[in-house]
Amino acid sequence: MTSRKTAGSKPLEVDLIKGRIYSWCSCGLSFKQPFCDGEHMGTGIKPKVFKAEKSGPQHLCMCKQTNNSPFCDGTHNTKK
């Protein structure tokens, strides 16, 4: 299994639409961050598929180390 790649050092604010299904890139390889574009194929890492619970801006994790995927939990502040 390939290790996750950090796609950024801070969360990315994105507008989500309630009820819509999204695929969050958990490997860090996608060129369409923070969403999956299939670059994970062959890595053994799968995207996090989720349904937005509300519409509006949300902060999605870019360091790929969150314990609350796909949402930022501040883990990027603890990694040096």
PDB file of N, CA and C in Angstrom:
ATOM      1  N   MET A   1       0.838  -1.188   0.000  1.00  0.00           N
ATOM      2  CA  MET A   1       0.000   0.000   0.000  1.00  0.00           C
ATOM      3  C   MET A   1       0.878   1.244   0.000  1.00  0.00           C
ATOM      4  N   THR A   2       0.546   2.201  -0.814  1.00  0.00           N
ATOM      5  CA  THR A   2       1.257   3.461  -0.909  1.00  0.00           C
ATOM      6  C   THR A   2       0.852   4.367   0.252  1.00  0.00           C
ATOM      7  N   SER A   3       1.779   5.183   0.740  1.00  0.00           N
ATOM      8  CA  SER A   3       1.429   6.113   1.822  1.00  0.00           C
ATOM      9  C   SER A   3       0.724   7.339   1.247  1.00  0.00           C
ATOM     10  N   ARG A   4      -0.010   7.999   2.098  1.00  0.00           N
ATOM     11  CA  ARG A   4      -0.748   9.192   1.691  1.00  0.00           C
ATOM     12  C   ARG A   4       0.216  10.342   1.444  1.00  0.00           C
ATOM     13  N   LYS A   5      -0.122  11.163   0.475  1.00  0.00           N
ATOM     14  CA  LYS A   5       0.668  12.344   0.137  1.00  0.00           C
ATOM     15  C   LYS A   5      -0.076  13.578   0.645  1.00  0.00           C
ATOM     16  N   THR A   6       0.634  14.480   1.270  1.00  0.00           N
ATOM     17  CA  THR A   6       0.025  15.727   1.723  1.00  0.00           C
ATOM     18  C   THR A   6      -0.270  16.595   0.513  1.00  0.00           C
ATOM     19  N   ALA A   7      -1.513  17.063   0.397  1.00  0.00           N
ATOM     20  CA  ALA A   7      -1.909  17.903  -0.734  1.00  0.00           C
ATOM     21  C   ALA A   7      -1.913  19.380  -0.358  1.00  0.00           C
ATOM     22  N   GLY A   8      -1.712  19.685   0.906  1.00  0.00           N
ATOM     23  CA  GLY A   8      -1.694  21.065   1.367  1.00  0.00           C
ATOM     24  C   GLY A   8      -1.488  21.118   2.858  1.00  0.00           C
ATOM     25  N   SER A   9      -1.091  22.274   3.344  1.00  0.00           N
ATOM     26  CA  SER A   9      -0.812  22.416   4.773  1.00  0.00           C
ATOM     27  C   SER A   9      -1.972  23.035   5.549  1.00  0.00           C
ATOM     28  N   LYS A  10      -3.016  23.447   4.833  1.00  0.00           N
ATOM     29  CA  LYS A  10      -4.196  24.040   5.463  1.00  0.00           C
ATOM     30  C   LYS A  10      -5.432  23.450   4.810  1.00  0.00           C
ATOM     31  N   PRO A  11      -6.577  23.477   5.498  1.00  0.00           N
ATOM     32  CA  PRO A  11      -7.804  22.970   4.884  1.00  0.00           C
ATOM     33  C   PRO A  11      -8.220  23.854   3.707  1.00  0.00           C
ATOM     34  N   LEU A  12      -9.034  23.297   2.842  1.00  0.00           N
ATOM     35  CA  LEU A  12      -9.555  24.040   1.699  1.00  0.00           C
ATOM     36  C   LEU A  12     -11.056  24.239   1.907  1.00  0.00           C
ATOM     37  N   GLU A  13     -11.497  25.478   1.824  1.00  0.00           N
ATOM     38  CA  GLU A  13     -12.924  25.767   1.963  1.00  0.00           C
ATOM     39  C   GLU A  13     -13.614  25.517   0.628  1.00  0.00           C
ATOM     40  N   VAL A  14     -14.648  24.682   0.654  1.00  0.00           N
ATOM     41  CA  VAL A  14     -15.433  24.382  -0.547  1.00  0.00           C
ATOM     42  C   VAL A  14     -16.909  24.511  -0.216  1.00  0.00           C
ATOM     43  N   ASP A  15     -17.694  24.890  -1.222  1.00  0.00           N
ATOM     44  CA  ASP A  15     -19.141  24.969  -1.053  1.00  0.00           C
ATOM     45  C   ASP A  15     -19.745  23.617  -1.415  1.00  0.00           C
ATOM     46  N   LEU A  16     -20.400  23.008  -0.446  1.00  0.00           N
ATOM     47  CA  LEU A  16     -21.062  21.724  -0.665  1.00  0.00           C
ATOM     48  C   LEU A  16     -22.561  21.950  -0.796  1.00  0.00           C
ATOM     49  N   ILE A  17     -23.231  21.015  -1.451  1.00  0.00           N
ATOM     50  CA  ILE A  17     -24.678  21.088  -1.633  1.00  0.00           C
ATOM     51  C   ILE A  17     -25.316  19.930  -0.872  1.00  0.00           C
ATOM     52  N   LYS A  18     -26.228  20.258   0.027  1.00  0.00           N
ATOM     53  CA  LYS A  18     -26.891  19.258   0.863  1.00  0.00           C
ATOM     54  C   LYS A  18     -27.465  18.135   0.005  1.00  0.00           C
ATOM     55  N   GLY A  19     -27.188  16.895   0.423  1.00  0.00           N
ATOM     56  CA  GLY A  19     -27.706  15.727  -0.255  1.00  0.00           C
ATOM     57  C   GLY A  19     -26.854  15.218  -1.409  1.00  0.00           C
ATOM     58  N   ARG A  20     -25.907  16.013  -1.868  1.00  0.00           N
ATOM     59  CA  ARG A  20     -25.041  15.594  -2.976  1.00  0.00           C
ATOM     60  C   ARG A  20     -23.954  14.660  -2.461  1.00  0.00           C
ATOM     61  N   ILE A  21     -23.578  13.687  -3.281  1.00  0.00           N
ATOM     62  CA  ILE A  21     -22.529  12.733  -2.948  1.00  0.00           C
ATOM     63  C   ILE A  21     -21.199  13.251  -3.494  1.00  0.00           C
ATOM     64  N   TYR A  22     -20.176  13.220  -2.653  1.00  0.00           N
ATOM     65  CA  TYR A  22     -18.831  13.669  -3.029  1.00  0.00           C
ATOM     66  C   TYR A  22     -17.829  12.560  -2.743  1.00  0.00           C
ATOM     67  N   SER A  23     -16.720  12.572  -3.465  1.00  0.00           N
ATOM     68  CA  SER A  23     -15.610  11.651  -3.222  1.00  0.00           C
ATOM     69  C   SER A  23     -14.385  12.480  -2.880  1.00  0.00           C
ATOM     70  N   TRP A  24     -14.012  12.450  -1.609  1.00  0.00           N
ATOM     71  CA  TRP A  24     -12.857  13.204  -1.116  1.00  0.00           C
ATOM     72  C   TRP A  24     -11.587  12.390  -1.335  1.00  0.00           C
ATOM     73  N   CYS A  25     -10.587  13.002  -1.907  1.00  0.00           N
ATOM     74  CA  CYS A  25      -9.302  12.344  -2.146  1.00  0.00           C
ATOM     75  C   CYS A  25      -8.619  12.102  -0.808  1.00  0.00           C
ATOM     76  N   SER A  26      -8.371  10.839  -0.499  1.00  0.00           N
ATOM     77  CA  SER A  26      -7.682  10.514   0.752  1.00  0.00           C
ATOM     78  C   SER A  26      -6.221  10.137   0.527  1.00  0.00           C
ATOM     79  N   CYS A  27      -5.812   9.990  -0.742  1.00  0.00           N
ATOM     80  CA  CYS A  27      -4.422   9.605  -1.028  1.00  0.00           C
ATOM     81  C   CYS A  27      -3.514  10.809  -1.252  1.00  0.00           C
ATOM     82  N   GLY A  28      -4.092  11.948  -1.635  1.00  0.00           N
ATOM     83  CA  GLY A  28      -3.308  13.151  -1.891  1.00  0.00           C
ATOM     84  C   GLY A  28      -2.779  13.269  -3.306  1.00  0.00           C
ATOM     85  N   LEU A  29      -3.097  12.328  -4.175  1.00  0.00           N
ATOM     86  CA  LEU A  29      -2.563  12.320  -5.538  1.00  0.00           C
ATOM     87  C   LEU A  29      -3.449  13.009  -6.576  1.00  0.00           C
ATOM     88  N   SER A  30      -4.696  13.264  -6.243  1.00  0.00           N
ATOM     89  CA  SER A  30      -5.641  13.838  -7.204  1.00  0.00           C
ATOM     90  C   SER A  30      -5.191  15.214  -7.697  1.00  0.00           C
ATOM     91  N   PHE A  31      -5.442  15.467  -8.968  1.00  0.00           N
ATOM     92  CA  PHE A  31      -5.178  16.789  -9.550  1.00  0.00           C
ATOM     93  C   PHE A  31      -6.391  17.699  -9.385  1.00  0.00           C
ATOM     94  N   LYS A  32      -7.483  17.178  -8.817  1.00  0.00           N
ATOM     95  CA  LYS A  32      -8.717  17.943  -8.601  1.00  0.00           C
ATOM     96  C   LYS A  32      -8.988  18.087  -7.114  1.00  0.00           C
ATOM     97  N   GLN A  33      -7.963  18.310  -6.317  1.00  0.00           N
ATOM     98  CA  GLN A  33      -8.079  18.432  -4.864  1.00  0.00           C
ATOM     99  C   GLN A  33      -9.160  19.418  -4.483  1.00  0.00           C
ATOM    100  N   PRO A  34      -9.911  19.128  -3.450  1.00  0.00           N
ATOM    101  CA  PRO A  34      -9.780  18.033  -2.514  1.00  0.00           C
ATOM    102  C   PRO A  34     -10.567  16.787  -2.934  1.00  0.00           C
ATOM    103  N   PHE A  35     -11.059  16.779  -4.168  1.00  0.00           N
ATOM    104  CA  PHE A  35     -11.890  15.671  -4.622  1.00  0.00           C
ATOM    105  C   PHE A  35     -11.094  14.653  -5.439  1.00  0.00           C
ATOM    106  N   CYS A  36     -11.595  13.445  -5.482  1.00  0.00           N
ATOM    107  CA  CYS A  36     -10.938  12.331  -6.160  1.00  0.00           C
ATOM    108  C   CYS A  36     -11.071  12.452  -7.674  1.00  0.00           C
ATOM    109  N   ASP A  37      -9.989  12.129  -8.384  1.00  0.00           N
ATOM    110  CA  ASP A  37     -10.026  12.048  -9.840  1.00  0.00           C
ATOM    111  C   ASP A  37      -9.547  10.685 -10.344  1.00  0.00           C
ATOM    112  N   GLY A  38      -9.388   9.719  -9.442  1.00  0.00           N
ATOM    113  CA  GLY A  38      -8.992   8.369  -9.818  1.00  0.00           C
ATOM    114  C   GLY A  38      -7.509   8.094  -9.774  1.00  0.00           C
ATOM    115  N   GLU A  39      -6.684   9.079  -9.393  1.00  0.00           N
ATOM    116  CA  GLU A  39      -5.233   8.894  -9.342  1.00  0.00           C
ATOM    117  C   GLU A  39      -4.798   7.854  -8.319  1.00  0.00           C
ATOM    118  N   HIS A  40      -5.692   7.473  -7.415  1.00  0.00           N
ATOM    119  CA  HIS A  40      -5.363   6.493  -6.378  1.00  0.00           C
ATOM    120  C   HIS A  40      -5.265   5.063  -6.911  1.00  0.00           C
ATOM    121  N   MET A  41      -5.717   4.824  -8.122  1.00  0.00           N
ATOM    122  CA  MET A  41      -5.744   3.463  -8.664  1.00  0.00           C
ATOM    123  C   MET A  41      -4.383   2.790  -8.507  1.00  0.00           C
ATOM    124  N   GLY A  42      -4.394   1.600  -7.928  1.00  0.00           N
ATOM    125  CA  GLY A  42      -3.171   0.837  -7.731  1.00  0.00           C
ATOM    126  C   GLY A  42      -2.431   1.146  -6.443  1.00  0.00           C
ATOM    127  N   THR A  43      -2.923   2.107  -5.656  1.00  0.00           N
ATOM    128  CA  THR A  43      -2.237   2.484  -4.412  1.00  0.00           C
ATOM    129  C   THR A  43      -2.747   1.709  -3.205  1.00  0.00           C
ATOM    130  N   GLY A  44      -3.936   1.139  -3.315  1.00  0.00           N
ATOM    131  CA  GLY A  44      -4.553   0.481  -2.169  1.00  0.00           C
ATOM    132  C   GLY A  44      -5.304   1.457  -1.276  1.00  0.00           C
ATOM    133  N   ILE A  45      -5.316   2.721  -1.640  1.00  0.00           N
ATOM    134  CA  ILE A  45      -6.028   3.757  -0.880  1.00  0.00           C
ATOM    135  C   ILE A  45      -7.286   4.115  -1.652  1.00  0.00           C
ATOM    136  N   LYS A  46      -8.414   4.213  -0.950  1.00  0.00           N
ATOM    137  CA  LYS A  46      -9.683   4.545  -1.594  1.00  0.00           C
ATOM    138  C   LYS A  46     -10.164   5.908  -1.125  1.00  0.00           C
ATOM    139  N   PRO A  47     -10.921   6.613  -1.978  1.00  0.00           N
ATOM    140  CA  PRO A  47     -11.470   7.902  -1.565  1.00  0.00           C
ATOM    141  C   PRO A  47     -12.549   7.730  -0.498  1.00  0.00           C
ATOM    142  N   LYS A  48     -12.819   8.781   0.217  1.00  0.00           N
ATOM    143  CA  LYS A  48     -13.902   8.809   1.210  1.00  0.00           C
ATOM    144  C   LYS A  48     -15.137   9.353   0.493  1.00  0.00           C
ATOM    145  N   VAL A  49     -16.120   8.504   0.298  1.00  0.00           N
ATOM    146  CA  VAL A  49     -17.371   8.920  -0.336  1.00  0.00           C
ATOM    147  C   VAL A  49     -18.325   9.350   0.770  1.00  0.00           C
ATOM    148  N   PHE A  50     -18.890  10.553   0.615  1.00  0.00           N
ATOM    149  CA  PHE A  50     -19.784  11.068   1.655  1.00  0.00           C
ATOM    150  C   PHE A  50     -20.913  11.885   1.043  1.00  0.00           C
ATOM    151  N   LYS A  51     -22.007  11.987   1.801  1.00  0.00           N
ATOM    152  CA  LYS A  51     -23.151  12.802   1.409  1.00  0.00           C
ATOM    153  C   LYS A  51     -23.137  14.061   2.266  1.00  0.00           C
ATOM    154  N   ALA A  52     -23.195  15.217   1.617  1.00  0.00           N
ATOM    155  CA  ALA A  52     -23.190  16.485   2.349  1.00  0.00           C
ATOM    156  C   ALA A  52     -24.452  16.594   3.207  1.00  0.00           C
ATOM    157  N   GLU A  53     -24.258  16.888   4.476  1.00  0.00           N
ATOM    158  CA  GLU A  53     -25.382  16.998   5.400  1.00  0.00           C
ATOM    159  C   GLU A  53     -26.018  18.380   5.395  1.00  0.00           C
ATOM    160  N   LYS A  54     -25.289  19.363   4.867  1.00  0.00           N
ATOM    161  CA  LYS A  54     -25.828  20.721   4.756  1.00  0.00           C
ATOM    162  C   LYS A  54     -25.153  21.441   3.607  1.00  0.00           C
ATOM    163  N   SER A  55     -25.826  22.456   3.089  1.00  0.00           N
ATOM    164  CA  SER A  55     -25.258  23.273   2.029  1.00  0.00           C
ATOM    165  C   SER A  55     -24.433  24.400   2.633  1.00  0.00           C
ATOM    166  N   GLY A  56     -23.402  24.798   1.901  1.00  0.00           N
ATOM    167  CA  GLY A  56     -22.594  25.924   2.337  1.00  0.00           C
ATOM    168  C   GLY A  56     -21.131  25.563   2.440  1.00  0.00           C
ATOM    169  N   PRO A  57     -20.338  26.523   2.900  1.00  0.00           N
ATOM    170  CA  PRO A  57     -18.895  26.302   2.967  1.00  0.00           C
ATOM    171  C   PRO A  57     -18.503  25.306   4.057  1.00  0.00           C
ATOM    172  N   GLN A  58     -17.584  24.421   3.708  1.00  0.00           N
ATOM    173  CA  GLN A  58     -17.021  23.438   4.637  1.00  0.00           C
ATOM    174  C   GLN A  58     -15.516  23.397   4.417  1.00  0.00           C
ATOM    175  N   HIS A  59     -14.778  23.076   5.453  1.00  0.00           N
ATOM    176  CA  HIS A  59     -13.319  22.992   5.358  1.00  0.00           C
ATOM    177  C   HIS A  59     -12.894  21.533   5.247  1.00  0.00           C
ATOM    178  N   LEU A  60     -12.421  21.159   4.046  1.00  0.00           N
ATOM    179  CA  LEU A  60     -11.995  19.784   3.804  1.00  0.00           C
ATOM    180  C   LEU A  60     -10.488  19.668   4.011  1.00  0.00           C
ATOM    181  N   CYS A  61     -10.095  18.554   4.582  1.00  0.00           N
ATOM    182  CA  CYS A  61      -8.701  18.299   4.929  1.00  0.00           C
ATOM    183  C   CYS A  61      -7.837  18.174   3.680  1.00  0.00           C
ATOM    184  N   MET A  62      -6.671  18.806   3.707  1.00  0.00           N
ATOM    185  CA  MET A  62      -5.708  18.697   2.620  1.00  0.00           C
ATOM    186  C   MET A  62      -4.439  17.979   3.063  1.00  0.00           C
ATOM    187  N   CYS A  63      -4.204  17.872   4.387  1.00  0.00           N
ATOM    188  CA  CYS A  63      -3.002  17.168   4.854  1.00  0.00           C
ATOM    189  C   CYS A  63      -3.205  15.658   4.827  1.00  0.00           C
ATOM    190  N   LYS A  64      -4.468  15.232   4.710  1.00  0.00           N
ATOM    191  CA  LYS A  64      -4.852  13.818   4.599  1.00  0.00           C
ATOM    192  C   LYS A  64      -4.594  13.031   5.880  1.00  0.00           C
ATOM    193  N   GLN A  65      -4.440  13.714   7.008  1.00  0.00           N
ATOM    194  CA  GLN A  65      -4.180  13.061   8.289  1.00  0.00           C
ATOM    195  C   GLN A  65      -5.331  13.218   9.283  1.00  0.00           C
ATOM    196  N   THR A  66      -6.415  13.865   8.878  1.00  0.00           N
ATOM    197  CA  THR A  66      -7.547  14.107   9.761  1.00  0.00           C
ATOM    198  C   THR A  66      -8.133  12.808  10.325  1.00  0.00           C
ATOM    199  N   ASN A  67      -8.668  12.890  11.510  1.00  0.00           N
ATOM    200  CA  ASN A  67      -9.387  11.768  12.117  1.00  0.00           C
ATOM    201  C   ASN A  67     -10.891  11.927  11.918  1.00  0.00           C
ATOM    202  N   ASN A  68     -11.278  12.937  11.137  1.00  0.00           N
ATOM    203  CA  ASN A  68     -12.687  13.230  10.880  1.00  0.00           C
ATOM    204  C   ASN A  68     -12.908  13.418   9.373  1.00  0.00           C
ATOM    205  N   SER A  69     -12.338  12.516   8.576  1.00  0.00           N
ATOM    206  CA  SER A  69     -12.395  12.686   7.126  1.00  0.00           C
ATOM    207  C   SER A  69     -13.838  12.752   6.627  1.00  0.00           C
ATOM    208  N   PRO A  70     -14.089  13.635   5.695  1.00  0.00           N
ATOM    209  CA  PRO A  70     -13.166  14.435   4.906  1.00  0.00           C
ATOM    210  C   PRO A  70     -12.874  15.813   5.503  1.00  0.00           C
ATOM    211  N   PHE A  71     -13.418  16.070   6.671  1.00  0.00           N
ATOM    212  CA  PHE A  71     -13.337  17.409   7.248  1.00  0.00           C
ATOM    213  C   PHE A  71     -12.050  17.621   8.050  1.00  0.00           C
ATOM    214  N   CYS A  72     -11.571  18.832   8.015  1.00  0.00           N
ATOM    215  CA  CYS A  72     -10.369  19.197   8.772  1.00  0.00           C
ATOM    216  C   CYS A  72     -10.668  19.129  10.265  1.00  0.00           C
ATOM    217  N   ASP A  73      -9.751  18.525  11.027  1.00  0.00           N
ATOM    218  CA  ASP A  73      -9.892  18.485  12.479  1.00  0.00           C
ATOM    219  C   ASP A  73      -8.720  19.200  13.165  1.00  0.00           C
ATOM    220  N   GLY A  74      -7.909  19.903  12.391  1.00  0.00           N
ATOM    221  CA  GLY A  74      -6.784  20.651  12.951  1.00  0.00           C
ATOM    222  C   GLY A  74      -5.501  19.857  13.064  1.00  0.00           C
ATOM    223  N   THR A  75      -5.494  18.616  12.608  1.00  0.00           N
ATOM    224  CA  THR A  75      -4.308  17.772  12.702  1.00  0.00           C
ATOM    225  C   THR A  75      -3.087  18.424  12.046  1.00  0.00           C
ATOM    226  N   HIS A  76      -3.335  19.202  10.985  1.00  0.00           N
ATOM    227  CA  HIS A  76      -2.217  19.859  10.279  1.00  0.00           C
ATOM    228  C   HIS A  76      -1.423  20.782  11.213  1.00  0.00           C
ATOM    229  N   ASN A  77      -2.058  21.236  12.284  1.00  0.00           N
ATOM    230  CA  ASN A  77      -1.376  22.118  13.246  1.00  0.00           C
ATOM    231  C   ASN A  77      -0.445  21.341  14.181  1.00  0.00           C
ATOM    232  N   THR A  78      -0.601  20.015  14.250  1.00  0.00           N
ATOM    233  CA  THR A  78       0.198  19.217  15.166  1.00  0.00           C
ATOM    234  C   THR A  78       1.347  18.481  14.474  1.00  0.00           C
ATOM    235  N   LYS A  79       1.338  18.471  13.146  1.00  0.00           N
ATOM    236  CA  LYS A  79       2.385  17.776  12.391  1.00  0.00           C
ATOM    237  C   LYS A  79       3.498  18.749  12.036  1.00  0.00           C
ATOM    238  N   LYS A  80       4.703  18.364  12.304  1.00  0.00           N
ATOM    239  CA  LYS A  80       5.855  19.232  11.977  1.00  0.00           C
ATOM    240  C   LYS A  80       6.711  18.569  10.947  1.00  0.00           C
TER     241      LYS A  80
END
